[in-house]
Amino acid sequence: MLFVTTPLFAKEWTAAQKDVLKSFDKYIAAARQGDIKEMMDFWHPQYVGWDYAQKLPMNYDAFLKGEEDFYKNYKFVILEYKPLEIQVDGNMAIIHLGYDDIFSDFAGKQESASGHWTAMQ
């Protein structure tokens, strides 16, 4: 029996896409630590993104407020993402990804979320 370890939909990323992923990895590390300032440095001031839980896309200010509200009440236990597509045009990038996370309130109650996310950097 042969086990294949390569993902079925493996991609070869361009140098520009790899730069976006490297930057996004820093964002994820900051999110795991709850460092909102570092997280927001990743996002373009004209950011528009759509999270699975939102009825409409949100802008930078709405995203910042959501992050501030989240970190007042929760911390991440696990935060993982899988990039699905990255489009780069000059100094702007759009990243499409899937994510899975587990977060905990400060009393220790855990919740989980997973979904897809499209964001502009």
Foldseek 3Di string as FASTA:
>chain_A
DDDDPDDPQDDDDDPVVVVLVVLVVQLVVCQQVLNLVSNLVSADQQKWKDDPVDPGIDGSVVVSVVSVVDVVFKHWPDKDKDWDDWDDDPPKIKTKIKIKTWMAGPVGDIDIDIDIMIMMD
